[in-house]
N, C-alpha and C. Protein backbone atom coordinates (compact mmCIF):
# COMPACT_ATOMS: atom_id res chain seq x y z
N MET A 1 17.27 16.62 226.20
CA MET A 1 17.83 17.70 226.74
C MET A 1 19.26 18.25 225.95
N GLU A 2 19.76 17.00 225.69
CA GLU A 2 20.98 17.51 224.80
C GLU A 2 20.76 18.11 223.26
N ARG A 3 19.69 18.07 222.88
CA ARG A 3 18.94 18.28 221.48
C ARG A 3 18.52 19.99 221.60
N ALA A 4 18.33 20.47 222.78
CA ALA A 4 18.04 21.78 222.93
C ALA A 4 19.09 22.76 223.50
N ALA A 5 19.90 21.78 223.80
CA ALA A 5 21.33 22.60 223.92
C ALA A 5 22.30 23.11 222.48
N VAL A 6 22.18 21.88 221.81
CA VAL A 6 22.68 22.09 220.52
C VAL A 6 22.15 23.14 219.59
N ASN A 7 20.56 23.09 219.51
CA ASN A 7 19.77 24.22 219.08
C ASN A 7 19.87 25.55 219.56
N ARG A 8 20.28 25.71 220.87
CA ARG A 8 20.34 27.08 221.32
C ARG A 8 22.07 27.47 221.06
N THR A 9 22.96 26.25 220.87
CA THR A 9 24.22 26.97 220.80
C THR A 9 24.17 27.49 218.92
N ARG A 10 23.33 26.59 218.18
CA ARG A 10 23.36 26.65 216.87
C ARG A 10 22.55 28.38 216.74
N ARG A 11 21.68 28.82 217.44
CA ARG A 11 21.08 29.99 217.69
C ARG A 11 21.92 31.23 217.98
N GLU A 12 22.75 30.69 219.16
CA GLU A 12 23.65 31.82 219.50
C GLU A 12 25.01 31.97 218.45
N GLN A 13 25.34 30.91 217.60
CA GLN A 13 25.99 31.19 216.62
C GLN A 13 25.69 31.91 215.59
N ASP A 14 24.40 31.80 214.99
CA ASP A 14 23.75 32.72 213.98
C ASP A 14 23.46 33.79 214.22
N ARG A 15 23.61 34.40 215.41
CA ARG A 15 23.60 35.88 215.87
C ARG A 15 24.74 36.64 215.65
N GLY A 16 24.67 37.65 215.26
CA GLY A 16 25.80 38.39 214.77
C GLY A 16 25.69 39.52 215.85
N PRO A 17 26.64 40.63 215.63
CA PRO A 17 26.53 41.58 216.31
C PRO A 17 25.52 42.44 216.59
N GLY A 18 25.09 42.62 217.84
CA GLY A 18 23.79 43.21 218.48
C GLY A 18 22.76 42.20 218.74
N GLY A 19 23.17 41.10 218.28
CA GLY A 19 22.01 39.99 219.12
C GLY A 19 21.21 39.77 217.59
N ARG A 20 21.52 40.21 216.61
CA ARG A 20 20.86 40.10 215.60
C ARG A 20 21.04 38.61 214.95
N LEU A 21 20.31 38.26 214.06
CA LEU A 21 20.33 36.94 213.33
C LEU A 21 21.28 37.36 211.89
N ALA A 22 22.48 36.69 212.02
CA ALA A 22 23.02 36.96 210.58
C ALA A 22 22.79 35.95 209.51
N GLU A 23 22.74 36.50 208.08
CA GLU A 23 22.59 35.85 207.18
C GLU A 23 23.44 34.64 206.74
N ARG A 24 23.07 33.81 206.68
CA ARG A 24 24.09 32.51 206.09
C ARG A 24 24.81 32.72 205.00
N PRO A 25 25.68 32.76 204.48
CA PRO A 25 26.21 33.31 203.30
C PRO A 25 25.84 32.15 202.40
N HIS A 26 25.24 32.59 201.17
CA HIS A 26 24.69 31.80 200.08
C HIS A 26 25.64 31.04 199.25
N SER A 27 25.77 29.72 199.02
CA SER A 27 26.95 29.19 198.20
C SER A 27 26.75 29.16 196.71
N GLY A 28 25.64 29.56 195.99
CA GLY A 28 25.47 30.00 194.88
C GLY A 28 25.19 28.49 193.95
N ALA A 29 25.34 27.39 194.52
CA ALA A 29 25.59 26.52 193.91
C ALA A 29 24.10 26.01 193.26
N ASP A 30 23.19 26.51 193.77
CA ASP A 30 21.71 26.18 193.44
C ASP A 30 20.91 27.24 192.61
N PRO A 31 20.85 27.12 191.22
CA PRO A 31 20.54 28.47 190.75
C PRO A 31 18.85 28.70 190.85
N TYR A 32 18.16 27.46 191.45
CA TYR A 32 16.53 27.72 191.65
C TYR A 32 16.17 28.14 193.10
N ASP A 33 17.47 28.46 193.98
CA ASP A 33 17.12 29.29 195.17
C ASP A 33 16.44 30.53 194.83
N THR A 34 16.83 31.25 194.06
CA THR A 34 16.30 32.40 193.80
C THR A 34 15.61 32.70 192.50
N ARG A 35 14.46 33.63 192.16
CA ARG A 35 14.32 33.73 191.19
C ARG A 35 14.58 34.88 190.32
N PRO A 36 15.12 34.70 189.14
CA PRO A 36 15.59 35.83 188.36
C PRO A 36 14.73 36.98 188.34
N THR A 37 15.32 38.05 188.25
CA THR A 37 14.91 39.34 188.28
C THR A 37 13.66 39.62 187.23
N PHE A 38 13.11 40.61 187.42
CA PHE A 38 11.82 40.81 186.39
C PHE A 38 12.89 41.35 184.69
N GLU A 39 13.69 42.08 185.13
CA GLU A 39 14.66 42.66 183.76
C GLU A 39 15.20 41.06 183.33
N ALA A 40 15.90 40.30 184.27
CA ALA A 40 16.39 38.97 183.61
C ALA A 40 15.26 38.30 182.81
N ARG A 41 14.33 37.93 183.06
CA ARG A 41 13.25 37.37 182.34
C ARG A 41 12.70 37.96 181.39
N LEU A 42 12.51 39.39 181.59
CA LEU A 42 12.14 39.95 180.18
C LEU A 42 13.49 39.95 179.21
N GLY A 43 14.51 40.05 179.55
CA GLY A 43 15.76 39.80 178.83
C GLY A 43 15.82 38.61 177.84
N GLY A 44 15.21 37.48 178.77
CA GLY A 44 15.37 36.10 178.33
C GLY A 44 14.17 36.09 177.42
N VAL A 45 12.85 36.48 177.43
CA VAL A 45 11.94 36.46 176.61
C VAL A 45 12.24 37.21 175.27
N ALA A 46 13.06 38.21 175.37
CA ALA A 46 13.26 39.07 174.22
C ALA A 46 14.07 38.42 173.46
N LYS A 47 15.11 37.48 174.07
CA LYS A 47 16.35 36.80 173.34
C LYS A 47 15.67 35.94 172.47
N HIS A 48 14.31 34.91 173.04
CA HIS A 48 14.12 34.05 172.72
C HIS A 48 13.32 34.50 171.18
N ALA A 49 12.32 35.47 171.77
CA ALA A 49 11.44 35.75 170.34
C ALA A 49 12.67 36.26 169.05
N THR A 50 14.15 37.25 169.68
CA THR A 50 14.89 37.51 168.58
C THR A 50 15.35 36.46 167.60
N LYS A 51 15.43 35.09 168.35
CA LYS A 51 16.17 33.90 167.96
C LYS A 51 15.07 33.64 166.84
N ARG A 52 14.11 33.33 167.50
CA ARG A 52 12.76 32.76 166.78
C ARG A 52 12.60 33.58 165.26
N ARG A 53 12.55 34.71 165.42
CA ARG A 53 12.87 35.64 164.07
C ARG A 53 13.83 35.59 163.29
N ALA A 54 15.01 35.41 163.88
CA ALA A 54 16.14 35.12 163.01
C ALA A 54 16.10 34.00 162.55
N GLN A 55 15.64 32.74 163.15
CA GLN A 55 15.46 31.53 162.40
C GLN A 55 14.25 31.36 161.11
N MET A 56 13.26 32.31 161.45
CA MET A 56 12.46 32.61 160.23
C MET A 56 12.92 33.10 159.21
N VAL A 57 13.65 34.40 159.36
CA VAL A 57 14.37 35.02 158.10
C VAL A 57 15.30 34.04 157.35
N LEU A 58 16.02 33.38 158.06
CA LEU A 58 17.08 32.31 157.52
C LEU A 58 16.35 31.62 156.84
N ARG A 59 15.12 30.74 157.26
CA ARG A 59 14.21 29.90 156.48
C ARG A 59 13.96 30.46 155.41
N VAL A 60 13.37 31.84 155.10
CA VAL A 60 12.93 32.37 154.19
C VAL A 60 13.89 32.63 153.13
N ALA A 61 15.21 33.11 153.59
CA ALA A 61 16.52 33.20 152.75
C ALA A 61 16.77 31.98 152.22
N ILE A 62 16.90 30.90 152.88
CA ILE A 62 17.10 29.69 152.20
C ILE A 62 16.30 29.22 151.19
N ALA A 63 15.18 29.41 151.28
CA ALA A 63 14.13 29.45 150.48
C ALA A 63 14.33 30.17 148.92
N ALA A 64 14.35 31.24 149.10
CA ALA A 64 14.70 32.29 148.38
C ALA A 64 15.68 31.69 147.57
N VAL A 65 16.89 31.46 147.97
CA VAL A 65 18.09 31.04 147.22
C VAL A 65 17.92 29.82 146.52
N GLY A 66 16.77 28.79 147.12
CA GLY A 66 16.51 27.57 146.31
C GLY A 66 15.79 27.80 145.23
N TRP A 67 14.87 28.75 145.36
CA TRP A 67 13.89 29.02 143.97
C TRP A 67 14.37 30.00 142.97
N LEU A 68 15.26 31.02 143.33
CA LEU A 68 16.19 31.48 142.60
C LEU A 68 17.38 30.85 141.94
N THR A 69 17.86 29.70 142.18
CA THR A 69 19.23 29.02 141.70
C THR A 69 18.48 27.60 141.48
N ARG A 70 17.22 27.21 141.34
CA ARG A 70 16.89 26.15 140.75
C ARG A 70 17.14 26.15 139.30
N ASP A 71 17.27 24.81 138.83
CA ASP A 71 17.69 24.38 137.65
C ASP A 71 16.39 24.32 136.85
N GLN A 72 16.05 24.63 135.75
CA GLN A 72 14.87 24.62 135.05
C GLN A 72 14.86 23.56 133.88
N ARG A 73 16.23 22.86 134.01
CA ARG A 73 16.33 21.46 133.17
C ARG A 73 15.08 20.53 133.58
N PHE A 74 14.84 20.31 135.00
CA PHE A 74 14.10 19.73 135.54
C PHE A 74 12.92 20.23 136.43
N ALA A 75 12.20 21.03 135.34
CA ALA A 75 10.57 21.62 135.55
C ALA A 75 9.87 20.38 135.92
N VAL A 76 9.85 19.24 135.07
CA VAL A 76 9.29 18.21 135.20
C VAL A 76 10.38 17.47 135.99
N PRO A 77 9.85 16.52 136.95
CA PRO A 77 10.69 15.56 137.78
C PRO A 77 11.24 14.62 136.86
N PRO A 78 12.35 13.90 137.21
CA PRO A 78 13.19 13.11 136.21
C PRO A 78 12.40 11.85 136.40
N GLN A 79 12.30 11.09 135.54
CA GLN A 79 11.49 9.56 135.25
C GLN A 79 12.53 8.69 135.99
N ALA A 80 12.34 7.60 136.45
CA ALA A 80 12.99 6.34 137.06
C ALA A 80 13.76 5.97 135.73
N GLY A 81 14.94 5.36 135.92
CA GLY A 81 15.77 4.99 134.67
C GLY A 81 16.29 5.80 133.51
N ASP A 82 15.71 6.86 133.61
CA ASP A 82 16.09 8.31 132.77
C ASP A 82 17.86 7.89 132.68
N PRO A 83 18.24 7.50 131.12
CA PRO A 83 19.65 7.32 130.94
C PRO A 83 20.16 8.98 131.21
N ALA A 84 19.75 10.04 131.30
CA ALA A 84 20.60 11.19 131.37
C ALA A 84 21.29 11.17 132.89
N ILE A 85 20.64 10.67 133.85
CA ILE A 85 21.55 10.66 134.93
C ILE A 85 22.15 9.46 135.59
N ARG A 86 23.31 9.93 135.36
CA ARG A 86 24.35 9.00 135.45
C ARG A 86 25.23 9.11 137.06
N ARG A 87 25.12 10.40 137.65
CA ARG A 87 25.48 10.54 138.91
C ARG A 87 24.54 11.26 139.87
N ILE A 88 24.56 10.44 140.73
CA ILE A 88 23.52 11.10 142.10
C ILE A 88 24.36 11.25 143.49
N LEU A 89 23.95 12.12 143.83
CA LEU A 89 24.40 12.64 145.43
C LEU A 89 23.47 12.69 146.07
N VAL A 90 23.32 11.81 147.09
CA VAL A 90 22.82 11.89 148.41
C VAL A 90 23.13 12.42 149.29
N VAL A 91 22.36 13.38 150.09
CA VAL A 91 22.81 14.59 151.28
C VAL A 91 22.04 14.03 152.42
N ARG A 92 22.92 13.31 153.52
CA ARG A 92 22.14 13.24 154.73
C ARG A 92 23.06 13.16 155.74
N VAL A 93 23.08 14.72 156.09
CA VAL A 93 23.95 15.15 157.23
C VAL A 93 23.30 15.13 158.63
N ASP A 94 22.96 13.93 158.81
CA ASP A 94 22.49 14.47 160.23
C ASP A 94 23.15 13.01 161.31
N LEU A 95 22.59 12.81 162.19
CA LEU A 95 22.72 11.78 163.30
C LEU A 95 23.02 10.06 162.61
N LEU A 96 23.54 9.10 163.36
CA LEU A 96 23.70 7.86 163.03
C LEU A 96 22.40 7.31 162.41
N GLY A 97 21.59 7.17 163.50
CA GLY A 97 20.16 6.55 162.96
C GLY A 97 19.45 7.36 162.02
N ASP A 98 19.55 8.27 161.52
CA ASP A 98 19.02 9.42 160.70
C ASP A 98 19.99 8.87 159.05
N VAL A 99 21.15 8.27 159.34
CA VAL A 99 21.64 7.67 158.20
C VAL A 99 21.19 6.45 157.77
N VAL A 100 21.21 5.46 159.01
CA VAL A 100 20.85 4.14 158.93
C VAL A 100 19.13 4.09 158.29
N LEU A 101 18.40 5.29 158.45
CA LEU A 101 16.96 5.01 157.97
C LEU A 101 16.86 5.42 156.65
N SER A 102 18.00 6.25 156.48
CA SER A 102 17.84 6.69 154.97
C SER A 102 18.39 5.69 153.82
N LEU A 103 19.05 4.65 154.33
CA LEU A 103 19.64 3.78 153.62
C LEU A 103 18.44 2.99 152.45
N PRO A 104 17.31 3.00 153.12
CA PRO A 104 16.21 2.46 152.08
C PRO A 104 16.02 3.40 150.78
N ALA A 105 16.14 4.35 151.09
CA ALA A 105 16.13 5.31 150.30
C ALA A 105 17.18 5.49 148.83
N VAL A 106 18.25 4.82 149.40
CA VAL A 106 19.22 4.79 148.48
C VAL A 106 19.22 3.66 147.76
N ARG A 107 18.65 2.41 148.50
CA ARG A 107 18.57 1.13 147.69
C ARG A 107 17.39 1.33 146.53
N ALA A 108 16.33 2.45 146.78
CA ALA A 108 15.46 2.73 146.02
C ALA A 108 15.71 3.25 144.78
N LEU A 109 17.00 4.45 144.97
CA LEU A 109 17.31 4.94 143.91
C LEU A 109 18.49 3.96 142.83
N ARG A 110 19.09 3.01 143.66
CA ARG A 110 19.61 2.28 142.99
C ARG A 110 18.73 1.56 142.22
N ARG A 111 17.76 0.95 142.41
CA ARG A 111 16.84 0.15 141.83
C ARG A 111 16.31 0.99 140.57
N ALA A 112 16.03 1.98 140.92
CA ALA A 112 15.58 3.12 139.74
C ALA A 112 16.45 3.69 138.59
N TYR A 113 17.82 3.72 139.21
CA TYR A 113 18.85 4.22 138.30
C TYR A 113 20.03 3.15 138.84
N PRO A 114 19.93 2.08 137.90
CA PRO A 114 20.88 0.81 138.33
C PRO A 114 22.08 1.01 137.60
N ARG A 115 22.28 2.08 136.56
CA ARG A 115 23.76 2.11 136.10
C ARG A 115 24.25 3.62 136.49
N ALA A 116 23.58 4.27 137.45
CA ALA A 116 24.09 5.42 137.85
C ALA A 116 24.99 5.21 139.14
N GLN A 117 26.09 6.06 139.15
CA GLN A 117 26.92 6.35 140.26
C GLN A 117 26.34 6.84 141.26
N ILE A 118 26.23 6.25 142.55
CA ILE A 118 25.45 6.99 143.65
C ILE A 118 26.67 7.29 144.78
N ASP A 119 26.73 8.17 145.51
CA ASP A 119 27.70 9.13 146.57
C ASP A 119 26.94 9.40 147.43
N MET A 120 27.35 9.26 148.51
CA MET A 120 26.70 9.69 149.53
C MET A 120 27.21 10.53 150.42
N LEU A 121 26.90 11.84 150.96
CA LEU A 121 27.44 13.12 151.76
C LEU A 121 26.90 13.05 153.16
N VAL A 122 28.02 12.80 153.81
CA VAL A 122 27.65 12.55 155.28
C VAL A 122 28.64 13.18 156.62
N LEU A 123 28.01 13.37 157.90
CA LEU A 123 28.51 13.60 158.88
C LEU A 123 30.07 12.66 159.03
N HIS A 124 31.51 13.12 159.53
CA HIS A 124 32.55 12.39 159.47
C HIS A 124 32.02 11.25 160.52
N SER A 125 31.34 11.74 161.33
CA SER A 125 30.86 10.41 162.77
C SER A 125 30.03 9.23 161.96
N THR A 126 29.52 9.61 160.84
CA THR A 126 28.47 8.22 160.75
C THR A 126 28.89 7.58 159.30
N ALA A 127 30.26 8.29 158.74
CA ALA A 127 30.90 7.43 157.62
C ALA A 127 31.11 6.18 157.79
N GLY A 128 31.61 5.47 158.67
CA GLY A 128 31.87 4.22 159.10
C GLY A 128 30.77 3.45 159.11
N ILE A 129 29.60 3.55 159.15
CA ILE A 129 28.65 2.55 159.05
C ILE A 129 28.32 2.20 157.65
N LEU A 130 28.50 3.25 156.57
CA LEU A 130 28.06 3.11 155.29
C LEU A 130 29.42 2.36 154.61
N ALA A 131 30.38 1.56 155.24
CA ALA A 131 31.47 1.07 154.55
C ALA A 131 30.86 -0.29 154.07
N GLY A 132 29.64 -1.03 154.85
CA GLY A 132 28.93 -2.54 154.16
C GLY A 132 28.35 -1.99 152.93
N GLU A 133 27.76 -1.10 152.67
CA GLU A 133 26.94 -0.47 151.66
C GLU A 133 27.47 -0.25 150.42
N SER A 134 28.58 -1.13 149.92
CA SER A 134 29.47 -0.61 148.85
C SER A 134 28.75 -1.28 147.51
N ALA A 135 27.52 -1.84 147.85
CA ALA A 135 26.76 -2.19 146.42
C ALA A 135 25.89 -1.27 146.15
N ASP A 136 25.55 -0.44 147.11
CA ASP A 136 24.67 0.70 146.58
C ASP A 136 25.35 2.21 146.49
N ILE A 137 26.32 2.33 147.39
CA ILE A 137 26.91 3.47 147.54
C ILE A 137 28.47 3.21 147.23
N GLU A 138 28.82 3.86 146.02
CA GLU A 138 30.07 3.96 145.53
C GLU A 138 31.03 4.95 146.29
N ARG A 139 30.82 6.08 146.37
CA ARG A 139 31.74 7.11 147.45
C ARG A 139 31.00 7.51 148.48
N VAL A 140 31.94 7.62 149.47
CA VAL A 140 31.26 8.46 150.80
C VAL A 140 32.16 9.46 150.93
N LEU A 141 31.27 10.64 150.85
CA LEU A 141 32.03 12.07 151.41
C LEU A 141 31.44 12.49 152.78
N THR A 142 32.44 13.26 153.27
CA THR A 142 32.21 13.86 154.98
C THR A 142 32.28 15.21 154.70
N PHE A 143 31.46 15.84 155.45
CA PHE A 143 31.38 17.25 155.86
C PHE A 143 30.23 17.45 156.87
N ASP A 144 30.81 18.44 157.93
CA ASP A 144 30.03 19.10 158.85
C ASP A 144 29.67 20.34 158.90
N PRO A 145 28.25 20.46 158.26
CA PRO A 145 27.60 21.79 157.83
C PRO A 145 27.50 22.30 159.39
N HIS A 146 27.03 21.61 160.64
CA HIS A 146 26.70 22.28 161.74
C HIS A 146 27.97 23.14 162.19
N ALA A 147 29.14 22.91 162.03
CA ALA A 147 30.07 23.69 162.15
C ALA A 147 30.06 25.05 162.25
N TRP A 148 29.18 25.51 161.13
CA TRP A 148 28.85 26.87 160.89
C TRP A 148 27.91 27.49 161.69
N ARG A 149 27.05 26.69 162.53
CA ARG A 149 26.51 27.63 163.51
C ARG A 149 27.02 27.78 164.55
N ARG A 150 28.45 27.42 164.82
CA ARG A 150 29.21 28.20 165.96
C ARG A 150 29.92 29.49 165.55
N PRO A 151 29.65 30.59 166.18
CA PRO A 151 30.11 31.88 165.57
C PRO A 151 31.80 31.87 165.72
N ALA A 152 32.35 30.85 166.39
CA ALA A 152 34.10 30.86 166.60
C ALA A 152 34.51 30.14 165.24
N ALA A 153 33.37 29.31 164.47
CA ALA A 153 34.13 28.16 163.46
C ALA A 153 34.43 29.15 162.24
N LEU A 154 33.59 30.55 162.15
CA LEU A 154 33.56 31.21 161.07
C LEU A 154 35.22 32.20 161.03
N LEU A 155 36.08 32.16 162.32
CA LEU A 155 37.31 32.65 162.11
C LEU A 155 38.17 31.36 161.90
N ARG A 156 38.16 30.30 162.04
CA ARG A 156 38.76 29.38 161.90
C ARG A 156 39.19 28.96 160.54
N PRO A 157 40.28 28.75 159.84
CA PRO A 157 41.04 28.74 158.35
C PRO A 157 40.33 27.20 158.23
N ARG A 158 40.45 26.25 158.91
CA ARG A 158 40.12 24.89 158.69
C ARG A 158 38.56 24.91 158.01
N THR A 159 37.64 25.57 158.83
CA THR A 159 36.28 25.34 158.42
C THR A 159 36.15 26.02 156.99
N TRP A 160 36.77 26.99 156.57
CA TRP A 160 36.63 27.22 155.19
C TRP A 160 37.38 26.67 154.16
N ARG A 161 38.62 25.89 154.80
CA ARG A 161 39.38 24.97 153.71
C ARG A 161 38.27 23.71 153.66
N ASP A 162 37.78 23.05 154.57
CA ASP A 162 36.78 22.08 154.56
C ASP A 162 35.82 22.30 153.37
N ALA A 163 35.25 23.78 153.72
CA ALA A 163 33.79 24.04 152.86
C ALA A 163 34.55 23.98 151.35
N LEU A 164 35.53 24.91 151.43
CA LEU A 164 36.20 25.00 150.03
C LEU A 164 36.28 23.71 149.29
N ASN A 165 37.47 22.58 149.98
CA ASN A 165 37.28 21.53 149.17
C ASN A 165 35.98 20.45 149.31
N LEU A 166 34.95 20.66 149.86
CA LEU A 166 33.78 19.95 149.55
C LEU A 166 33.15 20.57 148.34
N LEU A 167 33.17 22.08 148.08
CA LEU A 167 32.60 22.46 146.77
C LEU A 167 33.60 22.04 145.60
N ARG A 168 34.62 22.05 145.77
CA ARG A 168 35.74 21.51 144.59
C ARG A 168 35.19 20.26 144.09
N THR A 169 35.05 19.22 145.29
CA THR A 169 34.71 17.79 144.92
C THR A 169 33.56 17.56 144.45
N LEU A 170 32.54 18.44 144.90
CA LEU A 170 30.92 18.46 144.37
C LEU A 170 31.15 18.74 142.77
N GLN A 171 31.82 19.87 142.50
CA GLN A 171 31.81 20.58 141.26
C GLN A 171 32.65 19.50 140.37
N ALA A 172 33.67 19.03 140.81
CA ALA A 172 34.57 18.06 139.81
C ALA A 172 33.60 16.48 139.52
N ALA A 173 32.69 16.12 140.68
CA ALA A 173 31.89 15.01 140.36
C ALA A 173 30.70 15.54 139.40
N ARG A 174 30.28 16.63 139.05
CA ARG A 174 29.37 17.00 138.00
C ARG A 174 28.17 16.29 138.36
N TYR A 175 27.50 16.01 139.41
CA TYR A 175 25.93 15.21 139.84
C TYR A 175 25.36 15.29 138.71
N ASP A 176 24.35 14.67 138.55
CA ASP A 176 23.08 14.96 137.67
C ASP A 176 21.78 15.33 138.34
N LEU A 177 21.93 14.53 139.51
CA LEU A 177 20.63 14.58 140.50
C LEU A 177 21.29 14.48 141.77
N ALA A 178 21.07 15.47 142.77
CA ALA A 178 21.15 15.15 144.27
C ALA A 178 19.81 15.23 144.94
N VAL A 179 19.81 14.38 145.82
CA VAL A 179 18.83 14.04 146.76
C VAL A 179 19.01 14.78 148.00
N SER A 180 18.46 15.53 148.76
CA SER A 180 18.64 15.76 150.21
C SER A 180 17.49 15.27 151.07
N ILE A 181 18.11 14.66 151.83
CA ILE A 181 17.12 13.86 152.69
C ILE A 181 17.41 14.39 153.98
N SER A 182 17.91 15.65 154.40
CA SER A 182 18.56 16.40 155.66
C SER A 182 17.52 17.49 155.91
N GLY A 183 17.43 18.29 154.88
CA GLY A 183 16.60 19.51 154.77
C GLY A 183 17.09 20.48 154.65
N ASP A 184 16.74 22.09 155.05
CA ASP A 184 17.54 22.98 155.05
C ASP A 184 19.03 23.00 154.69
N ILE A 185 19.85 22.61 155.90
CA ILE A 185 21.17 22.43 155.95
C ILE A 185 21.76 21.50 154.28
N GLY A 186 21.04 20.50 154.47
CA GLY A 186 21.74 19.63 153.18
C GLY A 186 21.20 19.92 152.27
N SER A 187 20.07 20.44 151.86
CA SER A 187 19.66 20.98 150.76
C SER A 187 20.36 22.58 149.99
N ILE A 188 21.35 22.95 150.61
CA ILE A 188 22.10 24.23 150.20
C ILE A 188 23.16 23.53 149.77
N LEU A 189 24.09 22.37 150.16
CA LEU A 189 25.34 22.21 149.75
C LEU A 189 25.27 21.86 148.36
N PRO A 190 24.32 21.19 147.84
CA PRO A 190 24.37 20.95 146.23
C PRO A 190 24.32 22.11 145.14
N LYS A 191 23.80 23.22 145.98
CA LYS A 191 23.23 24.32 144.85
C LYS A 191 24.51 25.13 144.29
N PRO A 192 25.46 25.35 145.18
CA PRO A 192 26.85 26.01 144.55
C PRO A 192 27.13 25.38 143.33
N THR A 193 27.10 24.22 143.36
CA THR A 193 27.73 23.14 142.44
C THR A 193 26.84 23.15 140.98
N HIS A 194 25.59 23.83 140.93
CA HIS A 194 24.59 23.83 140.16
C HIS A 194 24.26 22.26 139.78
N THR A 195 23.91 21.43 140.89
CA THR A 195 23.56 20.31 140.63
C THR A 195 21.73 20.27 141.15
N CYS A 196 21.45 19.57 140.07
CA CYS A 196 19.71 19.70 140.11
C CYS A 196 19.42 19.09 141.39
């Protein structure tokens, strides 16, 4: 009996002026309560398609820059133990696990070029784990190329200053060989320094 009285009271509270059921205010906390409008869904599809096309254009541009700036000295890949290769840069600007998994490649480079100086370019956050690798890696350089993915970074002077400092450091080191284990972003970094 009490339950029926409570339900009747709730129904009476829900009724607005004129005896009609009033809509309860929507809290807006759950975005899944309502489906986006057709225009919003269409805009999302267009945004996704535009982003994919822009990424494809960027990849083609990166490939074109790489092809146009390739070093003709190494039309034939260098042979292991080549005495002309005295300084090697290994680029791995990825997460911690990726840097750890690239250490066998650094050890293989050390075996192939025992007299070469091997430096490694990594993110600031992953530089600490390379401290124990002093037998294979002589110098650890840090840089975050992913900062350029954020549009606000283009307006910060520090971002430009860090990039210019890295370019100066790479040019001063005069690397004979650069090995990029990172992919597109990592392979761009040695290009302006004319490292092969």
